[in-house]
Amino acid sequence: MRHRRRYSTQTITRKKFSEKPNPPVVKKSASGLALFFKFLLIVLILGGGYFITVNYILPVFTAPQPVQKNNVVRKQNQPVVNKPKPVEQKPTQTFTRPAQRIQIEILNGCGQQGIANKLADRLSEKNYDVVNKGNYLEKGKVNWEVAHSKIINHLAESDEAEDLAGLIGIDKTNVETFNSTTPVIDLTVVIGRDFPELKIFR
């Protein structure tokens, strides 16, 4: 009996020790989708770095630098063109007749009736603009005792008065100049007692 019990006890003990241990836990490897995203991220990083290098960094170092020579800045492989110096021209002073018609005032200083209208008609035929006719006044009173016809020039530094004097037949010494900043008319003709001798009435 004793032997049988020992045998059974030893058998039970052996069975306990003979049991296989639990297999080690093996971690599952990363899935294929996660590996694909990692690969895609690496490709994007490398591609972006290549794009920035080619388009932004390399042009800075490979761009041609300007070459300075004889105080002339030019790019490489570009010929230097010396521009000729402009020739200074002195301004020439020339008198040009105004495009508009000369405005004239005719005053009767001889007392002859209708003489101002007659002179106005003759000057209108010569493209002059007669804007006023009347009697010649001095100190507010009519003066019909003017011996020699004359022209009063309201245009400073103008040859129009001398041209008109030559047309009427008035001596140039009888051309007076009255400088006015804002003249109402250009020239005033005063008809004197010598009107029968004027060229325009012959």
N, C-alpha and C. Protein backbone atom coordinates (compact mmCIF):
# COMPACT_ATOMS: atom_id res chain seq x y z
N MET A 1 0.81 -1.20 0.00
CA MET A 1 0.00 0.00 0.00
C MET A 1 0.84 1.24 0.00
N ARG A 2 1.85 1.19 0.79
CA ARG A 2 2.71 2.35 0.88
C ARG A 2 3.36 2.65 -0.46
N HIS A 3 3.79 1.64 -1.12
CA HIS A 3 4.45 1.85 -2.40
C HIS A 3 3.50 2.45 -3.42
N ARG A 4 2.26 2.02 -3.39
CA ARG A 4 1.30 2.53 -4.35
C ARG A 4 1.03 4.02 -4.10
N ARG A 5 0.93 4.38 -2.84
CA ARG A 5 0.66 5.79 -2.53
C ARG A 5 1.80 6.67 -2.96
N ARG A 6 3.03 6.21 -2.70
CA ARG A 6 4.19 7.00 -3.11
C ARG A 6 4.22 7.15 -4.62
N TYR A 7 3.87 6.12 -5.27
CA TYR A 7 3.94 6.14 -6.72
C TYR A 7 2.92 7.14 -7.25
N SER A 8 1.75 7.09 -6.64
CA SER A 8 0.73 8.01 -7.11
C SER A 8 1.10 9.46 -6.81
N THR A 9 1.74 9.64 -5.64
CA THR A 9 2.14 11.01 -5.28
C THR A 9 3.22 11.51 -6.22
N GLN A 10 4.17 10.64 -6.50
CA GLN A 10 5.24 11.04 -7.42
C GLN A 10 4.69 11.31 -8.80
N THR A 11 3.68 10.57 -9.17
CA THR A 11 3.10 10.78 -10.50
C THR A 11 2.43 12.13 -10.60
N ILE A 12 1.73 12.50 -9.54
CA ILE A 12 1.05 13.79 -9.53
C ILE A 12 2.06 14.92 -9.60
N THR A 13 3.17 14.71 -8.82
CA THR A 13 4.21 15.77 -8.84
C THR A 13 4.83 15.89 -10.18
N ARG A 14 5.09 14.78 -10.80
CA ARG A 14 5.71 14.82 -12.13
C ARG A 14 4.78 15.48 -13.14
N LYS A 15 3.50 15.21 -12.98
CA LYS A 15 2.57 15.82 -13.93
C LYS A 15 2.58 17.33 -13.81
N LYS A 16 2.72 17.79 -12.53
CA LYS A 16 2.74 19.24 -12.34
C LYS A 16 3.95 19.86 -13.01
N PHE A 17 5.09 19.21 -12.85
CA PHE A 17 6.31 19.78 -13.44
C PHE A 17 6.41 19.54 -14.92
N SER A 18 5.70 18.52 -15.37
CA SER A 18 5.80 18.23 -16.80
C SER A 18 4.87 19.10 -17.66
N GLU A 19 4.00 19.89 -17.01
CA GLU A 19 3.11 20.78 -17.79
C GLU A 19 3.91 21.84 -18.52
N LYS A 20 3.57 22.13 -19.78
CA LYS A 20 4.29 23.09 -20.61
C LYS A 20 3.96 24.51 -20.17
N PRO A 21 4.97 25.38 -20.13
CA PRO A 21 4.71 26.79 -19.76
C PRO A 21 3.95 27.50 -20.84
N ASN A 22 3.34 28.59 -20.46
CA ASN A 22 2.58 29.39 -21.42
C ASN A 22 3.52 30.00 -22.46
N PRO A 23 3.16 30.01 -23.72
CA PRO A 23 4.03 30.59 -24.77
C PRO A 23 4.19 32.10 -24.58
N PRO A 24 5.35 32.66 -24.93
CA PRO A 24 5.57 34.10 -24.77
C PRO A 24 4.63 34.91 -25.66
N VAL A 25 4.26 36.09 -25.14
CA VAL A 25 3.36 36.97 -25.90
C VAL A 25 4.15 37.68 -26.98
N VAL A 26 3.76 37.50 -28.19
CA VAL A 26 4.43 38.14 -29.34
C VAL A 26 3.64 39.36 -29.75
N LYS A 27 4.30 40.56 -29.74
CA LYS A 27 3.62 41.79 -30.15
C LYS A 27 3.36 41.79 -31.63
N LYS A 28 2.18 42.20 -31.96
CA LYS A 28 1.82 42.27 -33.36
C LYS A 28 2.59 43.40 -34.04
N SER A 29 3.08 43.12 -35.20
CA SER A 29 3.80 44.15 -35.97
C SER A 29 2.84 45.20 -36.48
N ALA A 30 3.40 46.37 -36.80
CA ALA A 30 2.57 47.47 -37.30
C ALA A 30 1.86 47.04 -38.57
N SER A 31 0.71 47.57 -38.74
CA SER A 31 -0.07 47.20 -39.92
C SER A 31 0.52 47.82 -41.18
N GLY A 32 0.15 47.29 -42.31
CA GLY A 32 0.67 47.78 -43.60
C GLY A 32 0.25 49.21 -43.90
N LEU A 33 -0.94 49.64 -43.43
CA LEU A 33 -1.39 51.00 -43.68
C LEU A 33 -0.54 52.03 -42.98
N ALA A 34 -0.13 51.71 -41.73
CA ALA A 34 0.73 52.64 -41.00
C ALA A 34 2.08 52.78 -41.67
N LEU A 35 2.63 51.68 -42.18
CA LEU A 35 3.91 51.76 -42.89
C LEU A 35 3.78 52.60 -44.15
N PHE A 36 2.65 52.49 -44.84
CA PHE A 36 2.46 53.27 -46.06
C PHE A 36 2.43 54.77 -45.76
N PHE A 37 1.76 55.17 -44.67
CA PHE A 37 1.71 56.59 -44.31
C PHE A 37 3.08 57.12 -43.91
N LYS A 38 3.86 56.31 -43.21
CA LYS A 38 5.22 56.73 -42.86
C LYS A 38 6.06 56.94 -44.10
N PHE A 39 5.94 56.03 -45.04
CA PHE A 39 6.70 56.15 -46.30
C PHE A 39 6.27 57.40 -47.08
N LEU A 40 4.95 57.64 -47.11
CA LEU A 40 4.45 58.82 -47.81
C LEU A 40 4.94 60.10 -47.17
N LEU A 41 4.98 60.14 -45.83
CA LEU A 41 5.47 61.33 -45.13
C LEU A 41 6.93 61.60 -45.44
N ILE A 42 7.74 60.57 -45.48
CA ILE A 42 9.16 60.73 -45.81
C ILE A 42 9.34 61.25 -47.23
N VAL A 43 8.53 60.71 -48.15
CA VAL A 43 8.62 61.17 -49.55
C VAL A 43 8.24 62.64 -49.66
N LEU A 44 7.20 63.05 -48.94
CA LEU A 44 6.78 64.46 -48.99
C LEU A 44 7.85 65.39 -48.42
N ILE A 45 8.46 64.99 -47.34
CA ILE A 45 9.52 65.82 -46.74
C ILE A 45 10.69 65.97 -47.69
N LEU A 46 11.12 64.86 -48.29
CA LEU A 46 12.25 64.92 -49.23
C LEU A 46 11.89 65.73 -50.47
N GLY A 47 10.68 65.54 -50.99
CA GLY A 47 10.27 66.29 -52.19
C GLY A 47 10.18 67.78 -51.92
N GLY A 48 9.61 68.17 -50.75
CA GLY A 48 9.53 69.58 -50.42
C GLY A 48 10.89 70.22 -50.25
N GLY A 49 11.82 69.50 -49.63
CA GLY A 49 13.17 70.02 -49.49
C GLY A 49 13.85 70.22 -50.83
N TYR A 50 13.63 69.28 -51.76
CA TYR A 50 14.22 69.40 -53.10
C TYR A 50 13.62 70.60 -53.85
N PHE A 51 12.30 70.79 -53.74
CA PHE A 51 11.64 71.90 -54.43
C PHE A 51 12.15 73.25 -53.92
N ILE A 52 12.25 73.39 -52.61
CA ILE A 52 12.72 74.66 -52.04
C ILE A 52 14.17 74.92 -52.43
N THR A 53 14.99 73.88 -52.44
CA THR A 53 16.40 74.05 -52.80
C THR A 53 16.56 74.49 -54.24
N VAL A 54 15.81 73.84 -55.14
CA VAL A 54 15.97 74.14 -56.57
C VAL A 54 15.42 75.52 -56.92
N ASN A 55 14.28 75.89 -56.33
CA ASN A 55 13.60 77.11 -56.75
C ASN A 55 13.97 78.35 -55.96
N TYR A 56 14.49 78.22 -54.76
CA TYR A 56 14.72 79.40 -53.93
C TYR A 56 16.18 79.55 -53.48
N ILE A 57 16.82 78.45 -53.19
CA ILE A 57 18.17 78.55 -52.64
C ILE A 57 19.21 78.62 -53.74
N LEU A 58 19.14 77.70 -54.73
CA LEU A 58 20.15 77.67 -55.80
C LEU A 58 20.17 78.94 -56.64
N PRO A 59 19.00 79.55 -57.01
CA PRO A 59 19.08 80.79 -57.81
C PRO A 59 19.83 81.92 -57.13
N VAL A 60 19.82 81.96 -55.82
CA VAL A 60 20.54 83.03 -55.11
C VAL A 60 22.04 82.92 -55.34
N PHE A 61 22.55 81.70 -55.38
CA PHE A 61 24.00 81.50 -55.53
C PHE A 61 24.43 81.45 -56.98
N THR A 62 23.51 81.16 -57.90
CA THR A 62 23.89 81.02 -59.32
C THR A 62 23.54 82.24 -60.15
N ALA A 63 22.86 83.27 -59.58
CA ALA A 63 22.49 84.46 -60.35
C ALA A 63 23.73 85.24 -60.73
N PRO A 64 23.78 85.82 -61.99
CA PRO A 64 24.95 86.61 -62.40
C PRO A 64 25.04 87.90 -61.60
N GLN A 65 26.23 88.24 -61.16
CA GLN A 65 26.46 89.45 -60.39
C GLN A 65 26.84 90.59 -61.31
N PRO A 66 26.35 91.82 -61.05
CA PRO A 66 26.73 92.97 -61.89
C PRO A 66 28.20 93.31 -61.76
N VAL A 67 28.78 93.68 -62.88
CA VAL A 67 30.19 94.02 -62.92
C VAL A 67 30.32 95.53 -63.05
N GLN A 68 31.10 96.15 -62.20
CA GLN A 68 31.29 97.59 -62.22
C GLN A 68 32.65 97.91 -62.81
N LYS A 69 32.64 98.70 -63.87
CA LYS A 69 33.87 99.07 -64.55
C LYS A 69 33.69 100.44 -65.16
N ASN A 70 34.65 101.31 -64.85
CA ASN A 70 34.65 102.69 -65.36
C ASN A 70 33.34 103.41 -65.00
N ASN A 71 32.93 103.20 -63.71
CA ASN A 71 31.73 103.85 -63.18
C ASN A 71 30.47 103.48 -63.96
N VAL A 72 30.49 102.34 -64.67
CA VAL A 72 29.33 101.87 -65.41
C VAL A 72 28.96 100.51 -64.87
N VAL A 73 27.75 100.36 -64.37
CA VAL A 73 27.29 99.09 -63.81
C VAL A 73 26.56 98.34 -64.91
N ARG A 74 27.00 97.11 -65.21
CA ARG A 74 26.37 96.32 -66.24
C ARG A 74 26.38 94.86 -65.82
N LYS A 75 25.55 94.05 -66.45
CA LYS A 75 25.51 92.63 -66.19
C LYS A 75 26.59 91.93 -67.01
N GLN A 76 26.91 90.71 -66.60
CA GLN A 76 27.91 89.94 -67.31
C GLN A 76 27.43 89.65 -68.72
N ASN A 77 28.42 89.58 -69.65
CA ASN A 77 28.16 89.28 -71.06
C ASN A 77 27.25 90.31 -71.71
N GLN A 78 27.29 91.54 -71.24
CA GLN A 78 26.49 92.61 -71.83
C GLN A 78 27.40 93.77 -72.19
N PRO A 79 27.39 94.21 -73.46
CA PRO A 79 28.34 95.25 -73.88
C PRO A 79 28.01 96.59 -73.23
N VAL A 80 29.03 97.39 -73.03
CA VAL A 80 28.87 98.72 -72.46
C VAL A 80 28.59 99.70 -73.57
N VAL A 81 27.50 100.45 -73.43
CA VAL A 81 27.12 101.43 -74.44
C VAL A 81 27.28 102.81 -73.83
N ASN A 82 28.16 103.60 -74.40
CA ASN A 82 28.39 104.97 -73.93
C ASN A 82 27.39 105.90 -74.61
N LYS A 83 26.50 106.48 -73.83
CA LYS A 83 25.51 107.38 -74.38
C LYS A 83 26.14 108.74 -74.67
N PRO A 84 25.87 109.29 -75.84
CA PRO A 84 26.43 110.62 -76.15
C PRO A 84 25.81 111.68 -75.27
N LYS A 85 26.63 112.65 -74.91
CA LYS A 85 26.14 113.74 -74.09
C LYS A 85 25.24 114.65 -74.90
N PRO A 86 24.11 115.06 -74.33
CA PRO A 86 23.22 115.95 -75.08
C PRO A 86 23.86 117.31 -75.31
N VAL A 87 23.64 117.84 -76.49
CA VAL A 87 24.21 119.14 -76.85
C VAL A 87 23.26 120.22 -76.34
N GLU A 88 23.80 121.13 -75.56
CA GLU A 88 22.99 122.20 -75.02
C GLU A 88 22.72 123.24 -76.10
N GLN A 89 21.47 123.54 -76.28
CA GLN A 89 21.07 124.54 -77.26
C GLN A 89 20.54 125.77 -76.55
N LYS A 90 21.03 126.89 -76.97
CA LYS A 90 20.58 128.14 -76.38
C LYS A 90 19.20 128.48 -76.90
N PRO A 91 18.29 128.85 -76.01
CA PRO A 91 16.94 129.20 -76.47
C PRO A 91 16.96 130.47 -77.31
N THR A 92 16.24 130.43 -78.40
CA THR A 92 16.15 131.59 -79.28
C THR A 92 14.85 132.31 -78.99
N GLN A 93 14.94 133.61 -78.88
CA GLN A 93 13.77 134.43 -78.60
C GLN A 93 13.15 134.86 -79.92
N THR A 94 11.96 134.36 -80.18
CA THR A 94 11.24 134.71 -81.40
C THR A 94 9.86 135.21 -81.02
N PHE A 95 9.40 136.21 -81.72
CA PHE A 95 8.07 136.77 -81.48
C PHE A 95 7.08 136.11 -82.41
N THR A 96 6.02 135.59 -81.85
CA THR A 96 4.97 134.97 -82.65
C THR A 96 3.69 135.74 -82.43
N ARG A 97 3.01 136.02 -83.52
CA ARG A 97 1.75 136.77 -83.44
C ARG A 97 0.68 135.89 -82.81
N PRO A 98 -0.11 136.43 -81.89
CA PRO A 98 -1.14 135.62 -81.26
C PRO A 98 -2.10 135.04 -82.29
N ALA A 99 -2.60 133.85 -81.98
CA ALA A 99 -3.51 133.19 -82.92
C ALA A 99 -4.82 133.97 -83.03
N GLN A 100 -5.25 134.65 -81.95
CA GLN A 100 -6.49 135.39 -82.00
C GLN A 100 -6.27 136.75 -82.66
N ARG A 101 -7.35 137.36 -83.14
CA ARG A 101 -7.27 138.65 -83.80
C ARG A 101 -6.94 139.76 -82.80
N ILE A 102 -6.18 140.76 -83.28
CA ILE A 102 -5.81 141.88 -82.43
C ILE A 102 -7.05 142.75 -82.21
N GLN A 103 -7.31 143.06 -80.95
CA GLN A 103 -8.47 143.88 -80.60
C GLN A 103 -8.04 145.35 -80.54
N ILE A 104 -8.79 146.20 -81.26
CA ILE A 104 -8.40 147.60 -81.44
C ILE A 104 -9.55 148.51 -80.99
N GLU A 105 -9.13 149.63 -80.40
CA GLU A 105 -10.06 150.71 -80.04
C GLU A 105 -9.72 151.93 -80.90
N ILE A 106 -10.74 152.56 -81.50
CA ILE A 106 -10.53 153.72 -82.36
C ILE A 106 -11.21 154.93 -81.71
N LEU A 107 -10.41 156.00 -81.51
CA LEU A 107 -10.92 157.22 -80.88
C LEU A 107 -10.75 158.40 -81.84
N ASN A 108 -11.78 159.22 -81.91
CA ASN A 108 -11.78 160.40 -82.79
C ASN A 108 -11.18 161.57 -82.02
N GLY A 109 -10.00 162.03 -82.50
CA GLY A 109 -9.34 163.17 -81.88
C GLY A 109 -9.25 164.36 -82.79
N CYS A 110 -10.00 164.35 -83.92
CA CYS A 110 -9.94 165.45 -84.88
C CYS A 110 -11.28 166.15 -85.07
N GLY A 111 -12.36 165.55 -84.63
CA GLY A 111 -13.68 166.16 -84.77
C GLY A 111 -14.36 165.85 -86.09
N GLN A 112 -13.74 165.14 -86.98
CA GLN A 112 -14.36 164.79 -88.26
C GLN A 112 -15.42 163.72 -88.04
N GLN A 113 -16.64 164.00 -88.45
CA GLN A 113 -17.74 163.07 -88.21
C GLN A 113 -17.60 161.83 -89.09
N GLY A 114 -17.79 160.63 -88.47
CA GLY A 114 -17.75 159.35 -89.20
C GLY A 114 -16.37 158.83 -89.51
N ILE A 115 -15.31 159.53 -89.05
CA ILE A 115 -13.95 159.09 -89.38
C ILE A 115 -13.58 157.79 -88.65
N ALA A 116 -14.11 157.62 -87.43
CA ALA A 116 -13.80 156.40 -86.68
C ALA A 116 -14.45 155.18 -87.33
N ASN A 117 -15.68 155.35 -87.83
CA ASN A 117 -16.34 154.23 -88.51
C ASN A 117 -15.63 153.87 -89.80
N LYS A 118 -15.16 154.87 -90.50
CA LYS A 118 -14.46 154.63 -91.75
C LYS A 118 -13.17 153.85 -91.52
N LEU A 119 -12.41 154.24 -90.49
CA LEU A 119 -11.16 153.53 -90.18
C LEU A 119 -11.46 152.11 -89.68
N ALA A 120 -12.56 151.96 -88.95
CA ALA A 120 -12.91 150.63 -88.45
C ALA A 120 -13.21 149.68 -89.60
N ASP A 121 -13.89 150.19 -90.63
CA ASP A 121 -14.19 149.33 -91.78
C ASP A 121 -12.92 148.91 -92.49
N ARG A 122 -11.98 149.84 -92.66
CA ARG A 122 -10.73 149.51 -93.35
C ARG A 122 -9.91 148.47 -92.56
N LEU A 123 -9.88 148.61 -91.24
CA LEU A 123 -9.09 147.67 -90.43
C LEU A 123 -9.75 146.31 -90.32
N SER A 124 -11.09 146.28 -90.35
CA SER A 124 -11.78 144.99 -90.31
C SER A 124 -11.46 144.17 -91.56
N GLU A 125 -11.27 144.86 -92.68
CA GLU A 125 -10.89 144.16 -93.90
C GLU A 125 -9.49 143.55 -93.79
N LYS A 126 -8.66 144.11 -92.90
CA LYS A 126 -7.30 143.60 -92.69
C LYS A 126 -7.23 142.61 -91.53
N ASN A 127 -8.36 142.06 -91.13
CA ASN A 127 -8.43 141.02 -90.09
C ASN A 127 -8.14 141.54 -88.69
N TYR A 128 -8.39 142.82 -88.46
CA TYR A 128 -8.31 143.37 -87.10
C TYR A 128 -9.72 143.40 -86.51
N ASP A 129 -9.78 143.26 -85.18
CA ASP A 129 -11.05 143.21 -84.47
C ASP A 129 -11.26 144.54 -83.75
N VAL A 130 -12.13 145.39 -84.30
CA VAL A 130 -12.43 146.68 -83.69
C VAL A 130 -13.53 146.47 -82.65
N VAL A 131 -13.18 146.67 -81.38
CA VAL A 131 -14.13 146.37 -80.30
C VAL A 131 -14.73 147.62 -79.69
N ASN A 132 -14.17 148.79 -80.00
CA ASN A 132 -14.72 150.01 -79.39
C ASN A 132 -14.42 151.21 -80.28
N LYS A 133 -15.37 152.12 -80.34
CA LYS A 133 -15.19 153.39 -81.08
C LYS A 133 -15.78 154.51 -80.23
N GLY A 134 -15.15 155.70 -80.31
CA GLY A 134 -15.65 156.81 -79.52
C GLY A 134 -14.81 158.05 -79.73
N ASN A 135 -15.00 159.05 -78.85
CA ASN A 135 -14.24 160.29 -78.90
C ASN A 135 -13.04 160.20 -77.97
N TYR A 136 -11.99 160.92 -78.33
CA TYR A 136 -10.77 160.92 -77.52
C TYR A 136 -10.96 161.86 -76.34
N LEU A 137 -10.73 161.38 -75.13
CA LEU A 137 -10.91 162.16 -73.92
C LEU A 137 -9.57 162.38 -73.24
N GLU A 138 -9.40 163.58 -72.69
CA GLU A 138 -8.25 163.92 -71.86
C GLU A 138 -8.77 164.61 -70.61
N LYS A 139 -8.45 164.00 -69.46
CA LYS A 139 -8.92 164.52 -68.16
C LYS A 139 -10.44 164.63 -68.13
N GLY A 140 -11.08 163.65 -68.74
CA GLY A 140 -12.54 163.60 -68.71
C GLY A 140 -13.25 164.48 -69.71
N LYS A 141 -12.51 165.20 -70.56
CA LYS A 141 -13.13 166.08 -71.54
C LYS A 141 -12.73 165.65 -72.95
N VAL A 142 -13.64 165.88 -73.91
CA VAL A 142 -13.38 165.52 -75.30
C VAL A 142 -12.30 166.44 -75.87
N ASN A 143 -11.32 165.84 -76.54
CA ASN A 143 -10.23 166.61 -77.15
C ASN A 143 -10.23 166.32 -78.64
N TRP A 144 -10.62 167.31 -79.44
CA TRP A 144 -10.60 167.17 -80.90
C TRP A 144 -9.48 167.99 -81.52
N GLU A 145 -8.51 168.32 -80.72
CA GLU A 145 -7.40 169.14 -81.19
C GLU A 145 -6.10 168.35 -81.29
N VAL A 146 -6.18 167.05 -81.49
CA VAL A 146 -4.98 166.22 -81.62
C VAL A 146 -4.38 166.48 -83.00
N ALA A 147 -3.14 166.96 -83.04
CA ALA A 147 -2.53 167.34 -84.31
C ALA A 147 -2.12 166.12 -85.13
N HIS A 148 -1.47 165.15 -84.49
CA HIS A 148 -0.95 163.98 -85.22
C HIS A 148 -1.59 162.70 -84.67
N SER A 149 -1.98 161.86 -85.57
CA SER A 149 -2.55 160.57 -85.18
C SER A 149 -1.50 159.73 -84.44
N LYS A 150 -1.95 158.92 -83.51
CA LYS A 150 -1.03 158.12 -82.71
C LYS A 150 -1.66 156.78 -82.33
N ILE A 151 -0.80 155.89 -81.87
CA ILE A 151 -1.23 154.55 -81.42
C ILE A 151 -0.72 154.34 -80.01
N ILE A 152 -1.60 153.90 -79.14
CA ILE A 152 -1.23 153.56 -77.76
C ILE A 152 -1.17 152.03 -77.65
N ASN A 153 -0.01 151.53 -77.32
CA ASN A 153 0.23 150.09 -77.26
C ASN A 153 0.02 149.60 -75.83
N HIS A 154 -0.94 148.69 -75.66
CA HIS A 154 -1.18 148.07 -74.35
C HIS A 154 -0.50 146.70 -74.23
N LEU A 155 0.20 146.29 -75.27
CA LEU A 155 0.92 145.01 -75.27
C LEU A 155 2.40 145.29 -75.09
N ALA A 156 2.94 144.98 -73.93
CA ALA A 156 4.36 145.24 -73.68
C ALA A 156 5.21 144.31 -74.53
N GLU A 157 6.32 144.83 -75.07
CA GLU A 157 7.28 144.08 -75.86
C GLU A 157 6.59 143.38 -77.03
N SER A 158 5.81 144.11 -77.80
CA SER A 158 5.12 143.55 -78.94
C SER A 158 5.36 144.42 -80.17
N ASP A 159 5.42 143.77 -81.33
CA ASP A 159 5.61 144.50 -82.59
C ASP A 159 4.28 144.81 -83.28
N GLU A 160 3.18 144.44 -82.63
CA GLU A 160 1.89 144.65 -83.27
C GLU A 160 1.60 146.13 -83.48
N ALA A 161 2.00 146.98 -82.56
CA ALA A 161 1.74 148.42 -82.70
C ALA A 161 2.46 148.99 -83.90
N GLU A 162 3.72 148.59 -84.11
CA GLU A 162 4.47 149.11 -85.25
C GLU A 162 3.90 148.60 -86.57
N ASP A 163 3.42 147.34 -86.56
CA ASP A 163 2.81 146.82 -87.78
C ASP A 163 1.55 147.61 -88.12
N LEU A 164 0.73 147.92 -87.11
CA LEU A 164 -0.49 148.67 -87.35
C LEU A 164 -0.17 150.10 -87.79
N ALA A 165 0.88 150.69 -87.19
CA ALA A 165 1.27 152.06 -87.59
C ALA A 165 1.68 152.09 -89.05
N GLY A 166 2.42 151.09 -89.50
CA GLY A 166 2.81 151.04 -90.90
C GLY A 166 1.62 150.85 -91.82
N LEU A 167 0.62 150.06 -91.37
CA LEU A 167 -0.56 149.85 -92.20
C LEU A 167 -1.38 151.13 -92.34
N ILE A 168 -1.56 151.88 -91.26
CA ILE A 168 -2.38 153.11 -91.30
C ILE A 168 -1.59 154.26 -91.92
N GLY A 169 -0.28 154.29 -91.69
CA GLY A 169 0.53 155.40 -92.19
C GLY A 169 0.94 156.35 -91.09
N ILE A 170 0.89 155.89 -89.84
CA ILE A 170 1.29 156.69 -88.69
C ILE A 170 2.78 156.52 -88.47
N ASP A 171 3.46 157.63 -88.20
CA ASP A 171 4.91 157.56 -87.94
C ASP A 171 5.17 156.76 -86.66
N LYS A 172 6.24 155.96 -86.68
CA LYS A 172 6.54 155.10 -85.54
C LYS A 172 6.91 155.90 -84.29
N THR A 173 7.32 157.15 -84.46
CA THR A 173 7.62 157.98 -83.29
C THR A 173 6.35 158.34 -82.53
N ASN A 174 5.19 158.17 -83.18
CA ASN A 174 3.92 158.46 -82.53
C ASN A 174 3.27 157.20 -81.94
N VAL A 175 4.07 156.19 -81.69
CA VAL A 175 3.58 154.97 -81.03
C VAL A 175 3.98 155.04 -79.56
N GLU A 176 3.00 155.09 -78.70
CA GLU A 176 3.22 155.14 -77.26
C GLU A 176 2.94 153.76 -76.64
N THR A 177 3.66 153.46 -75.58
CA THR A 177 3.48 152.18 -74.90
C THR A 177 2.94 152.42 -73.50
N PHE A 178 1.86 151.76 -73.21
CA PHE A 178 1.26 151.84 -71.88
C PHE A 178 1.16 150.41 -71.34
N ASN A 179 2.08 150.08 -70.44
CA ASN A 179 2.13 148.71 -69.92
C ASN A 179 0.95 148.48 -68.98
N SER A 180 0.22 147.41 -69.26
CA SER A 180 -0.91 147.03 -68.43
C SER A 180 -0.89 145.52 -68.22
N THR A 181 -1.03 145.11 -66.96
CA THR A 181 -0.99 143.66 -66.67
C THR A 181 -2.23 142.95 -67.20
N THR A 182 -3.36 143.61 -67.18
CA THR A 182 -4.60 143.01 -67.68
C THR A 182 -5.28 143.98 -68.65
N PRO A 183 -4.75 144.10 -69.87
CA PRO A 183 -5.34 145.06 -70.81
C PRO A 183 -6.69 144.57 -71.30
N VAL A 184 -7.65 145.52 -71.37
CA VAL A 184 -8.97 145.20 -71.92
C VAL A 184 -8.89 145.09 -73.43
N ILE A 185 -8.10 145.99 -74.05
CA ILE A 185 -7.87 145.95 -75.49
C ILE A 185 -6.37 145.90 -75.74
N ASP A 186 -6.00 145.60 -76.98
CA ASP A 186 -4.58 145.48 -77.32
C ASP A 186 -3.98 146.82 -77.76
N LEU A 187 -4.66 147.52 -78.67
CA LEU A 187 -4.13 148.76 -79.24
C LEU A 187 -5.24 149.80 -79.31
N THR A 188 -4.84 151.06 -79.08
CA THR A 188 -5.77 152.19 -79.22
C THR A 188 -5.24 153.12 -80.31
N VAL A 189 -6.11 153.44 -81.29
CA VAL A 189 -5.74 154.36 -82.38
C VAL A 189 -6.47 155.68 -82.15
N VAL A 190 -5.69 156.75 -82.04
CA VAL A 190 -6.26 158.08 -81.89
C VAL A 190 -6.09 158.81 -83.22
N ILE A 191 -7.20 159.19 -83.87
CA ILE A 191 -7.14 159.86 -85.18
C ILE A 191 -6.99 161.36 -84.96
N GLY A 192 -5.90 161.91 -85.51
CA GLY A 192 -5.64 163.34 -85.38
C GLY A 192 -6.08 164.12 -86.62
N ARG A 193 -5.74 165.43 -86.61
CA ARG A 193 -6.15 166.30 -87.70
C ARG A 193 -5.37 166.01 -88.98
N ASP A 194 -4.35 165.18 -88.89
CA ASP A 194 -3.59 164.83 -90.09
C ASP A 194 -4.18 163.61 -90.80
N PHE A 195 -5.42 163.24 -90.52
CA PHE A 195 -6.01 162.01 -91.09
C PHE A 195 -6.06 162.04 -92.61
N PRO A 196 -6.20 163.22 -93.29
CA PRO A 196 -6.22 163.17 -94.77
C PRO A 196 -4.89 162.67 -95.35
N GLU A 197 -3.81 162.81 -94.59
CA GLU A 197 -2.50 162.39 -95.10
C GLU A 197 -2.19 160.93 -94.80
N LEU A 198 -3.03 160.24 -94.02
CA LEU A 198 -2.76 158.85 -93.67
C LEU A 198 -2.93 157.94 -94.90
N LYS A 199 -2.08 156.95 -95.00
CA LYS A 199 -2.05 156.06 -96.16
C LYS A 199 -3.34 155.27 -96.29
N ILE A 200 -3.95 154.90 -95.17
CA ILE A 200 -5.12 154.04 -95.23
C ILE A 200 -6.33 154.76 -95.79
N PHE A 201 -6.36 156.11 -95.79
CA PHE A 201 -7.48 156.87 -96.29
C PHE A 201 -7.28 157.33 -97.73
N ARG A 202 -6.15 157.05 -98.30
CA ARG A 202 -5.89 157.51 -99.67
C ARG A 202 -6.55 156.57 -100.69
